[in-house]
Amino acid sequence: LKPEDTAVYYCCAADPTYWSSNLY
């Protein structure tokens, strides 16, 4: 880990019925 990794980290989920090629 680096000081620049300091942040609030958020978890997220895509709905089971939704598919996307772009997870970014």
PDB file of all heavy atoms in Angstrom:
ATOM      1  N   LEU A   1       0.816  -1.207   0.000  1.00  0.00           N
ATOM      2  CA  LEU A   1       0.000   0.000   0.000  1.00  0.00           C
ATOM      3  C   LEU A   1       0.854   1.263   0.000  1.00  0.00           C
ATOM      4  O   LEU A   1       1.942   1.302   0.591  1.00  0.00           O
ATOM      5  CB  LEU A   1      -0.939  -0.010   1.200  1.00  0.00           C
ATOM      6  CG  LEU A   1      -2.171  -0.911   1.026  1.00  0.00           C
ATOM      7  CD1 LEU A   1      -2.799  -1.253   2.365  1.00  0.00           C
ATOM      8  CD2 LEU A   1      -3.179  -0.230   0.107  1.00  0.00           C
ATOM      9  N   LYS A   2       0.314   2.279  -0.670  1.00  0.00           N
ATOM     10  CA  LYS A   2       0.986   3.569  -0.791  1.00  0.00           C
ATOM     11  C   LYS A   2       0.083   4.651  -0.198  1.00  0.00           C
ATOM     12  O   LYS A   2      -1.142   4.485  -0.171  1.00  0.00           O
ATOM     13  CB  LYS A   2       1.243   3.885  -2.264  1.00  0.00           C
ATOM     14  CG  LYS A   2       1.997   2.813  -3.024  1.00  0.00           C
ATOM     15  CD  LYS A   2       2.074   3.162  -4.504  1.00  0.00           C
ATOM     16  CE  LYS A   2       2.802   2.079  -5.280  1.00  0.00           C
ATOM     17  NZ  LYS A   2       2.885   2.409  -6.735  1.00  0.00           N
ATOM     18  N   PRO A   3       0.678   5.774   0.207  1.00  0.00           N
ATOM     19  CA  PRO A   3      -0.172   6.855   0.735  1.00  0.00           C
ATOM     20  C   PRO A   3      -1.256   7.292  -0.250  1.00  0.00           C
ATOM     21  O   PRO A   3      -2.355   7.672   0.176  1.00  0.00           O
ATOM     22  CB  PRO A   3       0.842   7.972   0.999  1.00  0.00           C
ATOM     23  CG  PRO A   3       2.111   7.246   1.307  1.00  0.00           C
ATOM     24  CD  PRO A   3       2.110   6.052   0.392  1.00  0.00           C
ATOM     25  N   GLU A   4      -0.958   7.202  -1.535  1.00  0.00           N
ATOM     26  CA  GLU A   4      -1.964   7.612  -2.526  1.00  0.00           C
ATOM     27  C   GLU A   4      -3.117   6.633  -2.646  1.00  0.00           C
ATOM     28  O   GLU A   4      -4.089   6.890  -3.368  1.00  0.00           O
ATOM     29  CB  GLU A   4      -1.314   7.823  -3.902  1.00  0.00           C
ATOM     30  CG  GLU A   4      -0.457   6.684  -4.380  1.00  0.00           C
ATOM     31  CD  GLU A   4       1.029   6.918  -4.078  1.00  0.00           C
ATOM     32  OE1 GLU A   4       1.347   7.378  -2.955  1.00  0.00           O
ATOM     33  OE2 GLU A   4       1.855   6.623  -4.968  1.00  0.00           O
ATOM     34  N   ASP A   5      -3.058   5.509  -1.958  1.00  0.00           N
ATOM     35  CA  ASP A   5      -4.196   4.582  -1.903  1.00  0.00           C
ATOM     36  C   ASP A   5      -5.215   5.010  -0.852  1.00  0.00           C
ATOM     37  O   ASP A   5      -6.296   4.405  -0.758  1.00  0.00           O
ATOM     38  CB  ASP A   5      -3.715   3.168  -1.590  1.00  0.00           C
ATOM     39  CG  ASP A   5      -2.877   2.565  -2.696  1.00  0.00           C
ATOM     40  OD1 ASP A   5      -3.236   2.734  -3.884  1.00  0.00           O
ATOM     41  OD2 ASP A   5      -1.852   1.925  -2.378  1.00  0.00           O
ATOM     42  N   THR A   6      -4.870   6.014  -0.073  1.00  0.00           N
ATOM     43  CA  THR A   6      -5.784   6.505   0.954  1.00  0.00           C
ATOM     44  C   THR A   6      -7.068   7.007   0.315  1.00  0.00           C
ATOM     45  O   THR A   6      -7.041   7.856  -0.572  1.00  0.00           O
ATOM     46  CB  THR A   6      -5.121   7.628   1.763  1.00  0.00           C
ATOM     47  OG1 THR A   6      -4.010   7.086   2.479  1.00  0.00           O
ATOM     48  CG2 THR A   6      -6.111   8.245   2.744  1.00  0.00           C
ATOM     49  N   ALA A   7      -8.195   6.461   0.781  1.00  0.00           N
ATOM     50  CA  ALA A   7      -9.486   6.812   0.201  1.00  0.00           C
ATOM     51  C   ALA A   7     -10.592   6.084   0.953  1.00  0.00           C
ATOM     52  O   ALA A   7     -10.317   5.187   1.763  1.00  0.00           O
ATOM     53  CB  ALA A   7      -9.544   6.421  -1.276  1.00  0.00           C
ATOM     54  N   VAL A   8     -11.810   6.466   0.651  1.00  0.00           N
ATOM     55  CA  VAL A   8     -12.954   5.665   1.071  1.00  0.00           C
ATOM     56  C   VAL A   8     -13.200   4.650  -0.040  1.00  0.00           C
ATOM     57  O   VAL A   8     -13.325   5.022  -1.205  1.00  0.00           O
ATOM     58  CB  VAL A   8     -14.207   6.524   1.300  1.00  0.00           C
ATOM     59  CG1 VAL A   8     -15.402   5.632   1.645  1.00  0.00           C
ATOM     60  CG2 VAL A   8     -13.954   7.543   2.404  1.00  0.00           C
ATOM     61  N   TYR A   9     -13.239   3.399   0.326  1.00  0.00           N
ATOM     62  CA  TYR A   9     -13.430   2.319  -0.645  1.00  0.00           C
ATOM     63  C   TYR A   9     -14.883   1.862  -0.615  1.00  0.00           C
ATOM     64  O   TYR A   9     -15.425   1.544   0.446  1.00  0.00           O
ATOM     65  CB  TYR A   9     -12.491   1.157  -0.325  1.00  0.00           C
ATOM     66  CG  TYR A   9     -11.075   1.439  -0.760  1.00  0.00           C
ATOM     67  CD1 TYR A   9     -10.298   2.377  -0.089  1.00  0.00           C
ATOM     68  CD2 TYR A   9     -10.519   0.786  -1.862  1.00  0.00           C
ATOM     69  CE1 TYR A   9      -9.006   2.662  -0.511  1.00  0.00           C
ATOM     70  CE2 TYR A   9      -9.232   1.062  -2.282  1.00  0.00           C
ATOM     71  CZ  TYR A   9      -8.481   2.004  -1.593  1.00  0.00           C
ATOM     72  OH  TYR A   9      -7.197   2.282  -2.015  1.00  0.00           O
ATOM     73  N   TYR A  10     -15.476   1.827  -1.799  1.00  0.00           N
ATOM     74  CA  TYR A  10     -16.877   1.453  -1.946  1.00  0.00           C
ATOM     75  C   TYR A  10     -16.997   0.142  -2.701  1.00  0.00           C
ATOM     76  O   TYR A  10     -16.390  -0.049  -3.766  1.00  0.00           O
ATOM     77  CB  TYR A  10     -17.640   2.525  -2.711  1.00  0.00           C
ATOM     78  CG  TYR A  10     -17.729   3.849  -2.012  1.00  0.00           C
ATOM     79  CD1 TYR A  10     -16.775   4.828  -2.229  1.00  0.00           C
ATOM     80  CD2 TYR A  10     -18.771   4.123  -1.124  1.00  0.00           C
ATOM     81  CE1 TYR A  10     -16.849   6.054  -1.587  1.00  0.00           C
ATOM     82  CE2 TYR A  10     -18.856   5.344  -0.478  1.00  0.00           C
ATOM     83  CZ  TYR A  10     -17.885   6.301  -0.712  1.00  0.00           C
ATOM     84  OH  TYR A  10     -17.965   7.512  -0.068  1.00  0.00           O
ATOM     85  N   CYS A  11     -17.822  -0.722  -2.185  1.00  0.00           N
ATOM     86  CA  CYS A  11     -18.183  -1.961  -2.850  1.00  0.00           C
ATOM     87  C   CYS A  11     -19.464  -1.728  -3.650  1.00  0.00           C
ATOM     88  O   CYS A  11     -20.323  -0.928  -3.229  1.00  0.00           O
ATOM     89  CB  CYS A  11     -18.385  -3.023  -1.770  1.00  0.00           C
ATOM     90  SG  CYS A  11     -19.264  -4.483  -2.273  1.00  0.00           S
ATOM     91  N   CYS A  12     -19.592  -2.422  -4.780  1.00  0.00           N
ATOM     92  CA  CYS A  12     -20.807  -2.259  -5.577  1.00  0.00           C
ATOM     93  C   CYS A  12     -21.133  -3.571  -6.281  1.00  0.00           C
ATOM     94  O   CYS A  12     -20.261  -4.421  -6.456  1.00  0.00           O
ATOM     95  CB  CYS A  12     -20.638  -1.137  -6.583  1.00  0.00           C
ATOM     96  SG  CYS A  12     -19.151  -1.253  -7.593  1.00  0.00           S
ATOM     97  N   ALA A  13     -22.388  -3.698  -6.673  1.00  0.00           N
ATOM     98  CA  ALA A  13     -22.846  -4.925  -7.308  1.00  0.00           C
ATOM     99  C   ALA A  13     -23.763  -4.609  -8.481  1.00  0.00           C
ATOM    100  O   ALA A  13     -24.576  -3.676  -8.411  1.00  0.00           O
ATOM    101  CB  ALA A  13     -23.580  -5.810  -6.307  1.00  0.00           C
ATOM    102  N   ALA A  14     -23.614  -5.393  -9.534  1.00  0.00           N
ATOM    103  CA  ALA A  14     -24.497  -5.272 -10.694  1.00  0.00           C
ATOM    104  C   ALA A  14     -25.652  -6.252 -10.553  1.00  0.00           C
ATOM    105  O   ALA A  14     -25.458  -7.389 -10.118  1.00  0.00           O
ATOM    106  CB  ALA A  14     -23.725  -5.549 -11.974  1.00  0.00           C
ATOM    107  N   ASP A  15     -26.828  -5.815 -10.931  1.00  0.00           N
ATOM    108  CA  ASP A  15     -28.008  -6.669 -10.813  1.00  0.00           C
ATOM    109  C   ASP A  15     -27.823  -7.972 -11.588  1.00  0.00           C
ATOM    110  O   ASP A  15     -27.219  -7.965 -12.666  1.00  0.00           O
ATOM    111  CB  ASP A  15     -29.225  -5.913 -11.341  1.00  0.00           C
ATOM    112  CG  ASP A  15     -30.511  -6.585 -10.957  1.00  0.00           C
ATOM    113  OD1 ASP A  15     -31.013  -6.314  -9.858  1.00  0.00           O
ATOM    114  OD2 ASP A  15     -30.994  -7.407 -11.768  1.00  0.00           O
ATOM    115  N   PRO A  16     -28.364  -9.077 -11.082  1.00  0.00           N
ATOM    116  CA  PRO A  16     -28.215 -10.364 -11.771  1.00  0.00           C
ATOM    117  C   PRO A  16     -28.774 -10.356 -13.191  1.00  0.00           C
ATOM    118  O   PRO A  16     -28.317 -11.130 -14.047  1.00  0.00           O
ATOM    119  CB  PRO A  16     -29.026 -11.326 -10.895  1.00  0.00           C
ATOM    120  CG  PRO A  16     -29.049 -10.697  -9.561  1.00  0.00           C
ATOM    121  CD  PRO A  16     -29.049  -9.228  -9.804  1.00  0.00           C
ATOM    122  N   THR A  17     -29.753  -9.495 -13.460  1.00  0.00           N
ATOM    123  CA  THR A  17     -30.379  -9.472 -14.780  1.00  0.00           C
ATOM    124  C   THR A  17     -29.626  -8.579 -15.769  1.00  0.00           C
ATOM    125  O   THR A  17     -30.002  -8.487 -16.941  1.00  0.00           O
ATOM    126  CB  THR A  17     -31.820  -8.953 -14.675  1.00  0.00           C
ATOM    127  OG1 THR A  17     -31.791  -7.600 -14.195  1.00  0.00           O
ATOM    128  CG2 THR A  17     -32.648  -9.809 -13.721  1.00  0.00           C
ATOM    129  N   TYR A  18     -28.559  -7.967 -15.311  1.00  0.00           N
ATOM    130  CA  TYR A  18     -27.844  -6.979 -16.132  1.00  0.00           C
ATOM    131  C   TYR A  18     -26.454  -7.479 -16.440  1.00  0.00           C
ATOM    132  O   TYR A  18     -25.721  -7.949 -15.562  1.00  0.00           O
ATOM    133  CB  TYR A  18     -27.768  -5.654 -15.388  1.00  0.00           C
ATOM    134  CG  TYR A  18     -27.093  -4.540 -16.147  1.00  0.00           C
ATOM    135  CD1 TYR A  18     -27.770  -3.824 -17.126  1.00  0.00           C
ATOM    136  CD2 TYR A  18     -25.774  -4.191 -15.879  1.00  0.00           C
ATOM    137  CE1 TYR A  18     -27.160  -2.805 -17.820  1.00  0.00           C
ATOM    138  CE2 TYR A  18     -25.152  -3.169 -16.567  1.00  0.00           C
ATOM    139  CZ  TYR A  18     -25.851  -2.477 -17.538  1.00  0.00           C
ATOM    140  OH  TYR A  18     -25.246  -1.467 -18.232  1.00  0.00           O
ATOM    141  N   TRP A  19     -26.076  -7.389 -17.695  1.00  0.00           N
ATOM    142  CA  TRP A  19     -24.713  -7.758 -18.089  1.00  0.00           C
ATOM    143  C   TRP A  19     -24.103  -6.624 -18.878  1.00  0.00           C
ATOM    144  O   TRP A  19     -24.719  -6.071 -19.784  1.00  0.00           O
ATOM    145  CB  TRP A  19     -24.711  -9.043 -18.926  1.00  0.00           C
ATOM    146  CG  TRP A  19     -23.326  -9.549 -19.161  1.00  0.00           C
ATOM    147  CD1 TRP A  19     -22.620 -10.441 -18.388  1.00  0.00           C
ATOM    148  CD2 TRP A  19     -22.446  -9.191 -20.239  1.00  0.00           C
ATOM    149  NE1 TRP A  19     -21.372 -10.642 -18.921  1.00  0.00           N
ATOM    150  CE2 TRP A  19     -21.230  -9.903 -20.049  1.00  0.00           C
ATOM    151  CE3 TRP A  19     -22.567  -8.346 -21.340  1.00  0.00           C
ATOM    152  CZ2 TRP A  19     -20.153  -9.789 -20.920  1.00  0.00           C
ATOM    153  CZ3 TRP A  19     -21.490  -8.216 -22.206  1.00  0.00           C
ATOM    154  CH2 TRP A  19     -20.300  -8.934 -21.999  1.00  0.00           C
ATOM    155  N   SER A  20     -22.888  -6.281 -18.544  1.00  0.00           N
ATOM    156  CA  SER A  20     -22.180  -5.234 -19.276  1.00  0.00           C
ATOM    157  C   SER A  20     -20.770  -5.691 -19.565  1.00  0.00           C
ATOM    158  O   SER A  20     -20.143  -6.367 -18.749  1.00  0.00           O
ATOM    159  CB  SER A  20     -22.143  -3.947 -18.455  1.00  0.00           C
ATOM    160  OG  SER A  20     -21.321  -2.983 -19.069  1.00  0.00           O
ATOM    161  N   SER A  21     -20.281  -5.304 -20.734  1.00  0.00           N
ATOM    162  CA  SER A  21     -18.888  -5.609 -21.066  1.00  0.00           C
ATOM    163  C   SER A  21     -17.927  -4.666 -20.345  1.00  0.00           C
ATOM    164  O   SER A  21     -16.737  -4.929 -20.280  1.00  0.00           O
ATOM    165  CB  SER A  21     -18.682  -5.503 -22.582  1.00  0.00           C
ATOM    166  OG  SER A  21     -18.965  -4.177 -23.012  1.00  0.00           O
ATOM    167  N   ASN A  22     -18.454  -3.584 -19.823  1.00  0.00           N
ATOM    168  CA  ASN A  22     -17.616  -2.555 -19.199  1.00  0.00           C
ATOM    169  C   ASN A  22     -17.848  -2.530 -17.692  1.00  0.00           C
ATOM    170  O   ASN A  22     -18.833  -1.979 -17.211  1.00  0.00           O
ATOM    171  CB  ASN A  22     -17.931  -1.188 -19.806  1.00  0.00           C
ATOM    172  CG  ASN A  22     -16.983  -0.111 -19.312  1.00  0.00           C
ATOM    173  OD1 ASN A  22     -16.223  -0.342 -18.375  1.00  0.00           O
ATOM    174  ND2 ASN A  22     -17.012   1.041 -19.934  1.00  0.00           N
ATOM    175  N   LEU A  23     -16.937  -3.127 -16.963  1.00  0.00           N
ATOM    176  CA  LEU A  23     -17.041  -3.148 -15.504  1.00  0.00           C
ATOM    177  C   LEU A  23     -16.289  -2.001 -14.864  1.00  0.00           C
ATOM    178  O   LEU A  23     -16.196  -1.935 -13.644  1.00  0.00           O
ATOM    179  CB  LEU A  23     -16.511  -4.474 -14.958  1.00  0.00           C
ATOM    180  CG  LEU A  23     -17.253  -5.727 -15.402  1.00  0.00           C
ATOM    181  CD1 LEU A  23     -16.763  -6.948 -14.622  1.00  0.00           C
ATOM    182  CD2 LEU A  23     -18.759  -5.582 -15.238  1.00  0.00           C
ATOM    183  N   TYR A  24     -15.752  -1.097 -15.681  1.00  0.00           N
ATOM    184  CA  TYR A  24     -14.940  -0.010 -15.170  1.00  0.00           C
ATOM    185  C   TYR A  24     -15.751   1.243 -14.845  1.00  0.00           C
ATOM    186  O   TYR A  24     -15.223   2.171 -14.239  1.00  0.00           O
ATOM    187  CB  TYR A  24     -13.871   0.371 -16.195  1.00  0.00           C
ATOM    188  CG  TYR A  24     -12.915  -0.750 -16.530  1.00  0.00           C
ATOM    189  CD1 TYR A  24     -13.203  -1.667 -17.521  1.00  0.00           C
ATOM    190  CD2 TYR A  24     -11.712  -0.877 -15.845  1.00  0.00           C
ATOM    191  CE1 TYR A  24     -12.332  -2.703 -17.833  1.00  0.00           C
ATOM    192  CE2 TYR A  24     -10.818  -1.893 -16.153  1.00  0.00           C
ATOM    193  CZ  TYR A  24     -11.143  -2.804 -17.139  1.00  0.00           C
ATOM    194  OH  TYR A  24     -10.270  -3.820 -17.436  1.00  0.00           O
TER     195      TYR A  24
END
